[in-house]
C-alpha cells in the first residue's frame, strides 16, 4: 500500500519480480502502469470531501484521521 503510486526508475520492474497479489495506491498522482502490475487505485475523493465539510463546519478532524 502506498499513498502515492510513484513507480519511478526501476521500482516497477523490481515489484514485478515479487509475489504480490495487489498494490493499493491513491489517486493523488497519475499512476503509469506499463508493467502489468496488479495495481488497485483508491479514490481520495470521499476522504477529502469529508475533511472539507468538517473544516467548513468547524468540526474536529481527530476521528476522521483515527478511523481511516
N, C-alpha and C. Protein backbone atom coordinates (compact mmCIF):
# COMPACT_ATOMS: atom_id res chain seq x y z
N UNK A 1 0.84 -1.17 0.00
CA UNK A 1 0.00 0.00 0.00
C UNK A 1 0.89 1.23 0.00
N UNK A 2 0.49 2.23 -0.77
CA UNK A 2 1.25 3.48 -0.84
C UNK A 2 0.28 4.64 -1.02
N UNK A 3 0.63 5.76 -0.43
CA UNK A 3 -0.23 6.93 -0.60
C UNK A 3 -0.09 7.51 -2.01
N UNK A 4 1.09 7.44 -2.58
CA UNK A 4 1.32 7.94 -3.94
C UNK A 4 1.97 6.82 -4.75
N UNK A 5 1.41 6.52 -5.89
CA UNK A 5 1.94 5.44 -6.72
C UNK A 5 3.02 5.90 -7.67
N UNK A 6 4.05 6.52 -7.14
CA UNK A 6 5.16 6.99 -7.98
C UNK A 6 6.15 5.84 -8.19
N UNK A 7 5.95 5.12 -9.24
CA UNK A 7 6.84 4.00 -9.56
C UNK A 7 7.92 4.51 -10.50
N UNK A 8 8.94 5.14 -9.93
CA UNK A 8 9.98 5.76 -10.73
C UNK A 8 11.21 4.86 -10.82
N UNK A 9 12.00 5.14 -11.82
CA UNK A 9 13.21 4.34 -12.01
C UNK A 9 12.87 2.88 -12.26
N UNK A 10 13.51 2.01 -11.53
CA UNK A 10 13.29 0.57 -11.70
C UNK A 10 12.29 0.00 -10.69
N UNK A 11 11.57 0.87 -9.99
CA UNK A 11 10.65 0.40 -8.95
C UNK A 11 9.62 -0.59 -9.50
N UNK A 12 9.01 -0.27 -10.62
CA UNK A 12 8.00 -1.15 -11.20
C UNK A 12 8.58 -2.50 -11.60
N UNK A 13 9.73 -2.49 -12.20
CA UNK A 13 10.38 -3.74 -12.61
C UNK A 13 10.73 -4.59 -11.39
N UNK A 14 11.19 -3.94 -10.34
CA UNK A 14 11.54 -4.67 -9.12
C UNK A 14 10.30 -5.27 -8.47
N UNK A 15 9.19 -4.55 -8.51
CA UNK A 15 7.96 -5.07 -7.93
C UNK A 15 7.40 -6.24 -8.73
N UNK A 16 7.61 -6.23 -10.03
CA UNK A 16 7.13 -7.34 -10.89
C UNK A 16 7.75 -8.67 -10.49
N UNK A 17 8.94 -8.65 -9.93
CA UNK A 17 9.61 -9.88 -9.55
C UNK A 17 9.18 -10.43 -8.20
N UNK A 18 8.27 -9.75 -7.53
CA UNK A 18 7.82 -10.19 -6.20
C UNK A 18 6.46 -10.87 -6.27
N UNK A 19 6.16 -11.80 -5.35
CA UNK A 19 4.86 -12.48 -5.34
C UNK A 19 3.77 -11.60 -4.71
N UNK A 20 3.45 -10.50 -5.37
CA UNK A 20 2.46 -9.54 -4.86
C UNK A 20 1.12 -9.79 -5.54
N UNK A 21 0.07 -9.88 -4.74
CA UNK A 21 -1.27 -10.08 -5.31
C UNK A 21 -1.90 -8.77 -5.77
N UNK A 22 -1.77 -7.71 -4.95
CA UNK A 22 -2.32 -6.41 -5.30
C UNK A 22 -1.49 -5.31 -4.66
N UNK A 23 -1.43 -4.18 -5.35
CA UNK A 23 -0.78 -2.99 -4.82
C UNK A 23 -1.84 -1.91 -4.76
N UNK A 24 -2.07 -1.36 -3.59
CA UNK A 24 -3.06 -0.30 -3.42
C UNK A 24 -2.36 1.05 -3.38
N UNK A 25 -2.82 1.98 -4.21
CA UNK A 25 -2.31 3.34 -4.21
C UNK A 25 -3.50 4.30 -4.31
N UNK A 26 -3.29 5.53 -3.86
CA UNK A 26 -4.36 6.52 -4.01
C UNK A 26 -4.25 7.18 -5.37
N UNK A 27 -5.28 7.94 -5.71
CA UNK A 27 -5.29 8.67 -6.98
C UNK A 27 -4.74 10.09 -6.82
N UNK A 28 -3.84 10.27 -5.86
CA UNK A 28 -3.25 11.59 -5.62
C UNK A 28 -2.32 12.01 -6.76
N UNK A 29 -1.74 11.07 -7.45
CA UNK A 29 -0.94 11.33 -8.65
C UNK A 29 -1.30 10.28 -9.70
N UNK A 30 -1.07 10.61 -10.95
CA UNK A 30 -1.35 9.65 -12.02
C UNK A 30 -0.39 8.47 -11.92
N UNK A 31 -0.94 7.28 -12.06
CA UNK A 31 -0.13 6.07 -11.97
C UNK A 31 0.11 5.53 -13.37
N UNK A 32 1.37 5.47 -13.75
CA UNK A 32 1.73 4.88 -15.04
C UNK A 32 2.02 3.40 -14.81
N UNK A 33 1.12 2.56 -15.25
CA UNK A 33 1.28 1.11 -15.04
C UNK A 33 1.51 0.43 -16.38
N UNK A 34 2.70 0.57 -16.91
CA UNK A 34 3.01 -0.07 -18.19
C UNK A 34 3.69 -1.42 -18.00
N UNK A 35 3.72 -1.92 -16.77
CA UNK A 35 4.38 -3.19 -16.48
C UNK A 35 3.41 -4.29 -16.08
N UNK A 36 2.13 -4.04 -16.21
CA UNK A 36 1.09 -5.01 -15.84
C UNK A 36 1.15 -5.43 -14.38
N UNK A 37 1.40 -4.46 -13.51
CA UNK A 37 1.36 -4.73 -12.08
C UNK A 37 -0.08 -4.77 -11.61
N UNK A 38 -0.37 -5.57 -10.58
CA UNK A 38 -1.75 -5.66 -10.06
C UNK A 38 -2.09 -4.46 -9.18
N UNK A 39 -2.18 -3.27 -9.80
CA UNK A 39 -2.41 -2.04 -9.05
C UNK A 39 -3.90 -1.76 -8.94
N UNK A 40 -4.34 -1.45 -7.72
CA UNK A 40 -5.71 -1.03 -7.48
C UNK A 40 -5.66 0.41 -6.96
N UNK A 41 -6.32 1.31 -7.68
CA UNK A 41 -6.29 2.72 -7.33
C UNK A 41 -7.51 3.04 -6.47
N UNK A 42 -7.24 3.66 -5.32
CA UNK A 42 -8.28 4.02 -4.35
C UNK A 42 -8.47 5.53 -4.40
N UNK A 43 -9.71 5.97 -4.54
CA UNK A 43 -10.00 7.39 -4.65
C UNK A 43 -9.88 8.11 -3.31
N UNK A 44 -9.29 9.28 -3.35
CA UNK A 44 -9.20 10.14 -2.17
C UNK A 44 -10.44 11.04 -2.04
N UNK A 45 -11.30 11.07 -3.04
CA UNK A 45 -12.43 12.00 -3.06
C UNK A 45 -13.31 11.93 -1.81
N UNK A 46 -13.73 10.76 -1.34
CA UNK A 46 -14.59 10.74 -0.14
C UNK A 46 -13.89 11.30 1.10
N UNK A 47 -12.62 10.98 1.28
CA UNK A 47 -11.87 11.47 2.42
C UNK A 47 -11.70 12.99 2.34
N UNK A 48 -11.35 13.49 1.17
CA UNK A 48 -11.18 14.93 1.01
C UNK A 48 -12.50 15.67 1.18
N UNK A 49 -13.59 15.12 0.66
CA UNK A 49 -14.90 15.74 0.82
C UNK A 49 -15.30 15.82 2.29
N UNK A 50 -15.05 14.76 3.03
CA UNK A 50 -15.36 14.75 4.45
C UNK A 50 -14.50 15.77 5.19
N UNK A 51 -13.23 15.85 4.87
CA UNK A 51 -12.33 16.81 5.52
C UNK A 51 -12.75 18.25 5.23
N UNK A 52 -13.09 18.54 3.98
CA UNK A 52 -13.53 19.89 3.62
C UNK A 52 -14.82 20.24 4.33
N UNK A 53 -15.74 19.30 4.39
CA UNK A 53 -17.01 19.53 5.09
C UNK A 53 -16.77 19.83 6.57
N UNK A 54 -15.89 19.07 7.20
CA UNK A 54 -15.59 19.29 8.63
C UNK A 54 -14.94 20.65 8.85
N UNK A 55 -14.03 21.03 7.96
CA UNK A 55 -13.40 22.34 8.07
C UNK A 55 -14.43 23.46 7.93
N UNK A 56 -15.33 23.28 6.97
CA UNK A 56 -16.38 24.28 6.73
C UNK A 56 -17.30 24.43 7.95
N UNK A 57 -17.57 23.32 8.61
CA UNK A 57 -18.46 23.32 9.78
C UNK A 57 -17.71 23.52 11.10
N UNK A 58 -16.39 23.75 11.01
CA UNK A 58 -15.54 23.92 12.19
C UNK A 58 -15.61 22.71 13.12
N UNK A 59 -15.61 21.52 12.55
CA UNK A 59 -15.66 20.28 13.31
C UNK A 59 -14.27 19.68 13.43
N UNK A 60 -14.11 18.78 14.37
CA UNK A 60 -12.83 18.13 14.65
C UNK A 60 -12.45 17.17 13.53
N UNK A 61 -11.15 17.04 13.31
CA UNK A 61 -10.60 16.08 12.35
C UNK A 61 -10.10 14.82 13.05
N UNK A 62 -10.08 14.80 14.38
CA UNK A 62 -9.49 13.68 15.12
C UNK A 62 -10.07 12.34 14.73
N UNK A 63 -11.37 12.17 14.76
CA UNK A 63 -11.94 10.87 14.45
C UNK A 63 -11.84 10.53 12.96
N UNK A 64 -11.75 11.54 12.12
CA UNK A 64 -11.58 11.30 10.69
C UNK A 64 -10.22 10.64 10.44
N UNK A 65 -9.20 11.11 11.09
CA UNK A 65 -7.85 10.57 10.92
C UNK A 65 -7.70 9.24 11.65
N UNK A 66 -8.27 9.12 12.83
CA UNK A 66 -8.09 7.91 13.65
C UNK A 66 -8.80 6.70 13.09
N UNK A 67 -9.87 6.86 12.32
CA UNK A 67 -10.67 5.72 11.88
C UNK A 67 -10.48 5.39 10.41
N UNK A 68 -9.55 6.01 9.75
CA UNK A 68 -9.35 5.74 8.31
C UNK A 68 -8.13 4.92 8.08
